[in-house]
């Protein structure tokens, strides 16, 4: 009788493809997953912000770097096309980009049913024809008529999307609702319908609102999650209605807050004579990850900080040991010099343990 192939664990190959970030800390390259939250939690605003960041190569929420720009295919099943364009244009203003120059394509059919073979074939052929790097389907409830609480029916629908991701090499984000009043416990368990939805995602994002406080939680299958991020919907002077990170500095101007963050990061880096990870910088200056990311990106753009292989060092310190050191030409907030593999120190749902945090570089940096 034939047997299944078996190999000793110590002899397994250590070489192989490594997962990269599409958006550092938020979404893995070619990942499938859920962007979930209760109604009126700005899920669509975040999905469109992600679309603009991937299409333009600019940091998502003006903080989280994109590894490389790519095409985005969007199906807005709930909002009118005019509203979608208006929101995209507002986000583009905040990102200082022109919507006309971005490779964002919108599926304009009024109905798409992923439980119908005819529609799944149409979606597959559309993805194959346009070759997007990211497919956004918003929201799930408008994409089927199966029973969401039936694990068998939902598994079949999610299996199709997984197959589409593997066949076409595309990241897929599905916007989905959470149950009302689900602010307690793990946010993934609050998603409406079968638990298949929670287990399916490689990268999941959750938005939760408590009174006026809006919180973003991340969750990854192959990486540790970052700290919860407080967001706010802002209406900027240039007419850009978009989500942004709430730094808590309401009594300071944005310029003053940014300058203070950059100064603190620079002072932290002055303590080190060799390159250090983002996590080490963050511990030294006791700031939020998003604020440290933004400050490092700006200091790198100014030529003050040198970024190499996911580590950071003051350029003047680097030149003392290596006079030929120069800032990488691509290390600006809009682009990243080269991709860095995701480190797999997390438990798939939460954050790194204290031991892991002290030994590992934060994923993607």
Protein backbone atom coordinates (compact mmCIF):
# COMPACT_ATOMS: atom_id res chain seq x y z
CA UNK A 1 0.00 0.00 0.00
CA UNK A 2 1.29 3.47 -0.88
CA UNK A 3 2.02 5.90 1.94
CA UNK A 4 2.13 9.65 2.18
CA UNK A 5 5.55 11.30 1.82
CA UNK A 6 7.22 12.00 5.17
CA UNK A 7 10.38 13.93 6.01
CA UNK A 8 12.17 14.57 9.30
CA UNK A 9 11.47 18.01 10.69
CA UNK A 10 15.17 18.83 11.07
CA UNK A 11 15.67 18.12 7.36
CA UNK A 12 12.90 20.36 6.07
CA UNK A 13 14.09 23.07 3.72
CA UNK A 14 14.46 26.53 5.19
CA UNK A 15 14.34 28.14 1.75
CA UNK A 16 11.09 29.17 0.15
CA UNK A 17 8.87 32.15 -0.56
CA UNK A 18 8.56 34.66 2.25
CA UNK A 19 5.45 36.71 2.83
CA UNK A 20 5.92 40.45 2.34
CA UNK A 21 3.84 43.45 3.37
CA UNK A 22 1.52 45.17 0.94
CA UNK A 23 0.99 47.91 3.54
CA UNK A 24 3.41 47.63 6.44
CA UNK A 25 1.71 46.45 9.64
CA UNK A 26 -1.77 46.62 8.05
CA UNK A 27 -2.04 44.16 5.16
CA UNK A 28 0.18 41.36 3.87
CA UNK A 29 0.94 40.97 0.18
CA UNK A 30 -1.62 38.71 -1.55
CA UNK A 31 -3.49 38.29 1.74
CA UNK A 32 -7.20 37.66 1.99
CA UNK A 33 -9.07 39.11 4.92
CA UNK A 34 -11.84 41.11 6.50
CA UNK A 35 -12.15 44.82 7.21
CA UNK A 36 -14.84 44.61 9.86
CA UNK A 37 -16.78 46.83 12.21
CA UNK A 38 -20.19 47.96 13.35
CA UNK A 39 -22.28 50.18 11.06
CA UNK A 40 -21.11 53.82 10.77
CA UNK A 41 -17.55 53.04 11.87
CA UNK A 42 -15.95 54.48 8.69
CA UNK A 43 -15.13 51.06 7.20
CA UNK A 44 -15.59 52.31 3.64
CA UNK A 45 -13.44 55.38 4.31
CA UNK A 46 -10.62 53.10 5.49
CA UNK A 47 -11.06 50.76 2.51
CA UNK A 48 -10.85 53.71 0.10
CA UNK A 49 -7.82 55.11 1.95
CA UNK A 50 -6.14 51.74 1.48
CA UNK A 51 -7.07 51.80 -2.22
CA UNK A 52 -5.50 55.24 -2.69
CA UNK A 53 -2.35 54.29 -0.78
CA UNK A 54 -1.77 51.09 -2.78
CA UNK A 55 -2.50 52.80 -6.11
CA UNK A 56 -0.27 55.80 -5.36
CA UNK A 57 2.44 54.24 -3.21
CA UNK A 58 1.82 56.83 -0.49
CA UNK A 59 1.54 55.82 3.19
CA UNK A 60 -1.89 54.63 4.27
CA UNK A 61 -3.47 57.09 6.71
CA UNK A 62 -0.37 59.20 5.97
CA UNK A 63 1.63 56.88 8.28
CA UNK A 64 1.90 53.23 7.14
CA UNK A 65 4.30 52.78 4.18
CA UNK A 66 3.32 50.87 1.04
CA UNK A 67 5.99 48.51 -0.28
CA UNK A 68 5.18 49.18 -3.92
CA UNK A 69 2.43 50.88 -5.86
CA UNK A 70 -0.03 48.66 -7.72
CA UNK A 71 -3.42 48.44 -9.37
CA UNK A 72 -6.64 48.38 -7.35
CA UNK A 73 -9.99 46.93 -8.41
CA UNK A 74 -12.97 48.06 -6.34
CA UNK A 75 -16.59 46.91 -6.19
CA UNK A 76 -18.68 49.34 -4.09
CA UNK A 77 -21.95 47.44 -3.75
CA UNK A 78 -23.59 49.88 -1.34
CA UNK A 79 -22.58 53.47 -2.17
CA UNK A 80 -23.40 55.34 -5.36
CA UNK A 81 -20.60 55.79 -7.86
CA UNK A 82 -20.77 59.56 -7.38
CA UNK A 83 -20.22 59.20 -3.62
CA UNK A 84 -17.33 56.80 -4.21
CA UNK A 85 -15.62 59.28 -6.53
CA UNK A 86 -16.20 62.16 -4.12
CA UNK A 87 -14.66 60.24 -1.24
CA UNK A 88 -11.69 59.09 -3.33
CA UNK A 89 -11.01 62.65 -4.45
CA UNK A 90 -11.06 63.86 -0.84
CA UNK A 91 -8.59 61.16 0.22
CA UNK A 92 -6.38 61.97 -2.78
CA UNK A 93 -6.25 65.60 -1.67
CA UNK A 94 -5.10 64.50 1.77
CA UNK A 95 -2.46 62.27 0.16
CA UNK A 96 -1.49 65.08 -2.25
CA UNK A 97 -2.18 62.93 -5.29
CA UNK A 98 -4.42 63.27 -8.32
CA UNK A 99 -7.17 60.68 -8.72
CA UNK A 100 -6.82 60.93 -12.51
CA UNK A 101 -3.29 59.51 -12.29
CA UNK A 102 -4.11 56.53 -10.06
CA UNK A 103 -4.78 52.98 -11.33
CA UNK A 104 -8.02 52.51 -9.41
CA UNK A 105 -10.73 50.78 -11.43
CA UNK A 106 -14.32 50.43 -10.25
CA UNK A 107 -16.67 47.58 -11.16
CA UNK A 108 -19.89 49.40 -12.07
CA UNK A 109 -22.34 46.52 -12.39
CA UNK A 110 -25.25 47.07 -9.97
CA UNK A 111 -25.35 43.47 -8.71
CA UNK A 112 -22.66 40.85 -8.10
CA UNK A 113 -23.56 37.56 -6.40
CA UNK A 114 -20.66 35.37 -5.29
CA UNK A 115 -23.02 32.47 -4.63
CA UNK A 116 -23.91 32.29 -8.34
CA UNK A 117 -21.55 30.49 -10.71
CA UNK A 118 -22.24 32.95 -13.52
CA UNK A 119 -21.13 35.91 -11.39
CA UNK A 120 -18.06 34.19 -9.97
CA UNK A 121 -16.90 33.40 -13.50
CA UNK A 122 -17.43 37.04 -14.47
CA UNK A 123 -15.45 38.27 -11.46
CA UNK A 124 -12.64 35.81 -12.14
CA UNK A 125 -12.35 36.85 -15.78
CA UNK A 126 -12.43 40.54 -14.75
CA UNK A 127 -9.59 40.04 -12.26
CA UNK A 128 -7.60 38.09 -14.84
CA UNK A 129 -8.10 40.83 -17.43
CA UNK A 130 -7.20 43.81 -15.21
CA UNK A 131 -4.57 42.08 -13.02
CA UNK A 132 -5.03 44.16 -9.84
CA UNK A 133 -2.72 43.89 -6.85
CA UNK A 134 -5.68 44.49 -4.52
CA UNK A 135 -9.37 43.64 -4.91
CA UNK A 136 -11.79 45.36 -2.52
CA UNK A 137 -15.35 44.05 -2.14
CA UNK A 138 -17.59 46.33 -0.07
CA UNK A 139 -19.66 45.05 1.74
CA UNK A 140 -20.04 41.27 1.98
CA UNK A 141 -23.76 41.40 2.79
CA UNK A 142 -24.50 42.76 -0.72
CA UNK A 143 -22.49 40.02 -2.45
CA UNK A 144 -24.59 36.95 -1.68
CA UNK A 145 -27.92 35.57 -0.52
CA UNK A 146 -26.70 32.63 1.51
CA UNK A 147 -27.19 32.21 5.25
CA UNK A 148 -24.21 33.92 6.92
CA UNK A 149 -24.58 31.81 10.05
CA UNK A 150 -24.33 28.57 8.04
CA UNK A 151 -20.67 27.54 8.12
CA UNK A 152 -21.05 25.23 5.12
CA UNK A 153 -22.50 27.91 2.87
CA UNK A 154 -20.03 30.58 3.98
CA UNK A 155 -17.09 28.18 3.61
CA UNK A 156 -18.00 27.61 -0.03
CA UNK A 157 -18.12 31.36 -0.73
CA UNK A 158 -14.84 32.04 1.07
CA UNK A 159 -13.22 29.07 -0.66
CA UNK A 160 -13.96 30.70 -4.00
CA UNK A 161 -12.27 33.93 -2.91
CA UNK A 162 -9.24 32.02 -1.63
CA UNK A 163 -9.00 30.21 -4.94
CA UNK A 164 -9.26 33.54 -6.78
CA UNK A 165 -6.43 34.92 -4.65
CA UNK A 166 -4.15 31.96 -5.35
CA UNK A 167 -4.98 31.73 -9.05
CA UNK A 168 -4.54 35.45 -9.79
CA UNK A 169 -2.00 36.41 -7.12
CA UNK A 170 -4.22 39.20 -5.81
CA UNK A 171 -4.82 40.49 -2.29
CA UNK A 172 -8.53 40.49 -1.42
CA UNK A 173 -10.16 42.73 1.18
CA UNK A 174 -13.80 42.10 2.07
CA UNK A 175 -15.65 44.75 4.07
CA UNK A 176 -18.02 43.16 6.58
CA UNK A 177 -20.27 44.19 9.45
CA UNK A 178 -19.84 43.31 13.10
CA UNK A 179 -22.74 42.79 15.46
CA UNK A 180 -24.04 45.91 17.18
CA UNK A 181 -22.91 46.37 20.75
CA UNK A 182 -19.91 44.08 20.23
CA UNK A 183 -17.28 46.32 21.80
CA UNK A 184 -16.12 43.71 24.32
CA UNK A 185 -13.85 40.75 23.67
CA UNK A 186 -11.81 40.04 20.59
CA UNK A 187 -13.12 42.06 17.64
CA UNK A 188 -12.78 39.15 15.19
CA UNK A 189 -15.27 37.13 17.20
CA UNK A 190 -17.79 39.96 16.89
CA UNK A 191 -18.07 39.63 13.10
CA UNK A 192 -21.62 38.91 12.02
CA UNK A 193 -22.24 35.36 10.83
CA UNK A 194 -20.19 32.17 10.88
CA UNK A 195 -16.83 31.94 12.63
CA UNK A 196 -15.48 30.85 9.23
CA UNK A 197 -15.13 34.56 8.44
CA UNK A 198 -12.77 35.18 11.34
CA UNK A 199 -10.63 32.13 10.64
CA UNK A 200 -10.42 32.78 6.90
CA UNK A 201 -8.41 36.00 6.98
CA UNK A 202 -4.64 36.29 6.61
CA UNK A 203 -4.84 39.98 7.54
CA UNK A 204 -7.86 41.41 9.32
CA UNK A 205 -8.64 44.98 10.31
CA UNK A 206 -11.36 45.95 12.80
CA UNK A 207 -12.88 49.34 13.52
CA UNK A 208 -14.70 49.92 16.81
CA UNK A 209 -16.37 53.06 18.10
CA UNK A 210 -16.86 53.96 21.76
CA UNK A 211 -18.74 57.25 21.92
CA UNK A 212 -16.51 59.59 19.89
CA UNK A 213 -13.47 57.32 20.02
CA UNK A 214 -12.70 55.28 16.88
CA UNK A 215 -10.14 52.48 17.27
CA UNK A 216 -8.39 50.37 14.62
CA UNK A 217 -7.20 46.89 15.60
CA UNK A 218 -4.98 44.72 13.37
CA UNK A 219 -4.70 40.95 13.24
CA UNK A 220 -2.41 38.77 11.08
CA UNK A 221 -1.99 35.06 10.56
CA UNK A 222 1.80 35.24 10.05
CA UNK A 223 2.81 38.31 12.04
CA UNK A 224 2.28 40.02 15.36
CA UNK A 225 -0.35 42.73 15.45
CA UNK A 226 0.56 46.32 16.22
CA UNK A 227 -0.91 48.36 19.05
CA UNK A 228 -4.47 49.61 18.69
CA UNK A 229 -4.61 52.85 16.71
CA UNK A 230 -6.98 55.71 17.43
CA UNK A 231 -8.46 57.31 14.31
CA UNK A 232 -10.65 60.29 13.55
CA UNK A 233 -12.59 61.46 10.50
CA UNK A 234 -11.28 64.89 9.61
CA UNK A 235 -12.45 67.57 7.22
CA UNK A 236 -9.33 69.40 6.16
CA UNK A 237 -9.18 72.97 4.90
CA UNK A 238 -8.71 71.81 1.30
CA UNK A 239 -12.02 69.93 1.39
CA UNK A 240 -10.43 66.52 2.00
CA UNK A 241 -12.73 64.37 4.15
CA UNK A 242 -10.63 61.42 5.25
CA UNK A 243 -9.54 59.26 8.15
CA UNK A 244 -6.38 60.22 10.00
CA UNK A 245 -4.54 59.02 13.06
CA UNK A 246 -5.59 60.79 16.24
CA UNK A 247 -2.33 61.81 17.91
CA UNK A 248 -4.13 63.28 20.91
CA UNK A 249 -2.41 66.63 20.36
CA UNK A 250 -5.61 68.63 19.92
CA UNK A 251 -4.08 71.70 21.54
CA UNK A 252 -1.11 71.76 19.16
CA UNK A 253 -0.95 72.51 15.48
CA UNK A 254 -0.12 69.60 13.19
CA UNK A 255 3.21 71.21 12.33
CA UNK A 256 4.19 71.57 15.98
CA UNK A 257 3.21 67.96 16.73
CA UNK A 258 5.19 66.64 13.75
CA UNK A 259 8.26 68.68 14.69
CA UNK A 260 8.12 67.43 18.27
CA UNK A 261 7.87 63.81 17.11
CA UNK A 262 10.83 64.19 14.76
CA UNK A 263 12.92 65.79 17.49
CA UNK A 264 12.14 62.98 19.91
CA UNK A 265 13.02 60.31 17.35
CA UNK A 266 16.26 62.08 16.47
CA UNK A 267 17.24 62.31 20.14
CA UNK A 268 16.46 58.60 20.55
CA UNK A 269 18.67 57.68 17.58
CA UNK A 270 21.55 59.71 18.98
CA UNK A 271 21.85 57.08 21.73
CA UNK A 272 22.85 54.38 19.22
CA UNK A 273 26.10 54.03 17.28
CA UNK A 274 24.78 51.17 15.13
CA UNK A 275 21.54 50.61 13.15
CA UNK A 276 18.50 49.79 15.29
CA UNK A 277 15.02 48.47 14.61
CA UNK A 278 11.81 50.46 14.67
CA UNK A 279 10.85 48.68 17.89
CA UNK A 280 14.04 49.88 19.59
CA UNK A 281 13.42 53.45 18.47
CA UNK A 282 9.84 53.27 19.67
CA UNK A 283 10.90 52.01 23.11
CA UNK A 284 13.51 54.75 23.46
CA UNK A 285 11.20 57.66 22.65
CA UNK A 286 8.00 56.14 24.17
CA UNK A 287 5.80 57.08 21.23
CA UNK A 288 3.08 55.33 19.28
CA UNK A 289 4.19 53.16 16.38
CA UNK A 290 2.35 55.30 13.84
CA UNK A 291 4.01 58.50 15.09
CA UNK A 292 7.46 56.91 15.03
CA UNK A 293 6.85 55.63 11.48
CA UNK A 294 5.86 59.09 10.28
CA UNK A 295 8.82 60.78 11.98
CA UNK A 296 11.32 58.24 10.63
CA UNK A 297 9.88 58.58 7.13
CA UNK A 298 10.24 62.37 7.24
CA UNK A 299 13.77 62.26 8.71
CA UNK A 300 14.76 59.74 6.05
CA UNK A 301 13.33 61.98 3.34
CA UNK A 302 15.35 64.90 4.73
CA UNK A 303 18.54 62.84 4.62
CA UNK A 304 18.97 62.92 8.40
CA UNK A 305 18.32 59.21 8.90
CA UNK A 306 19.67 56.28 6.88
CA UNK A 307 17.36 53.29 6.43
CA UNK A 308 18.93 49.97 5.45
CA UNK A 309 17.47 46.46 5.65
CA UNK A 310 14.68 47.58 7.96
CA UNK A 311 16.98 49.32 10.46
CA UNK A 312 17.57 53.01 11.14
CA UNK A 313 20.61 55.10 12.00
CA UNK A 314 21.51 58.77 11.95
CA UNK A 315 23.34 59.40 8.69
CA UNK A 316 26.19 61.22 10.41
CA UNK A 317 26.79 58.19 12.67
CA UNK A 318 26.72 55.82 9.70
CA UNK A 319 29.25 57.93 7.79
CA UNK A 320 31.71 57.77 10.66
CA UNK A 321 32.02 54.01 10.18
CA UNK A 322 31.32 53.93 6.44
CA UNK A 323 32.00 57.23 4.62
CA UNK A 324 30.33 55.89 1.48
CA UNK A 325 26.98 55.57 3.23
CA UNK A 326 24.22 57.48 1.46
CA UNK A 327 20.46 57.63 1.99
CA UNK A 328 18.66 55.10 -0.20
CA UNK A 329 17.10 56.83 -3.19
CA UNK A 330 13.73 55.25 -2.58
CA UNK A 331 13.41 55.72 1.17
CA UNK A 332 10.79 58.45 1.22
CA UNK A 333 7.25 58.32 2.63
CA UNK A 334 6.00 57.50 -0.88
CA UNK A 335 8.28 54.55 -1.61
CA UNK A 336 10.35 51.93 0.18
CA UNK A 337 13.81 50.94 -0.97
CA UNK A 338 13.09 47.22 -1.01
CA UNK A 339 10.62 44.80 0.58
CA UNK A 340 11.33 43.20 3.92
CA UNK A 341 9.86 39.81 4.83
CA UNK A 342 7.30 39.58 7.60
CA UNK A 343 8.74 38.13 10.77
CA UNK A 344 6.59 35.36 12.20
CA UNK A 345 6.97 36.08 15.90
CA UNK A 346 3.30 36.64 16.61
CA UNK A 347 0.60 34.23 17.67
CA UNK A 348 -1.60 35.10 14.70
CA UNK A 349 -4.06 37.07 16.77
CA UNK A 350 -2.25 39.16 19.35
CA UNK A 351 0.99 40.90 19.98
CA UNK A 352 4.46 39.52 20.53
CA UNK A 353 5.41 38.23 23.91
CA UNK A 354 7.82 40.42 25.91
CA UNK A 355 10.69 38.07 25.05
CA UNK A 356 9.88 38.07 21.34
CA UNK A 357 9.46 41.85 21.30
CA UNK A 358 12.94 42.35 22.70
CA UNK A 359 14.53 39.97 20.21
CA UNK A 360 12.76 40.70 16.96
CA UNK A 361 12.45 43.61 14.60
CA UNK A 362 8.87 44.78 14.14
CA UNK A 363 7.45 43.07 11.03
CA UNK A 364 8.17 44.74 7.75
CA UNK A 365 10.72 47.29 9.04
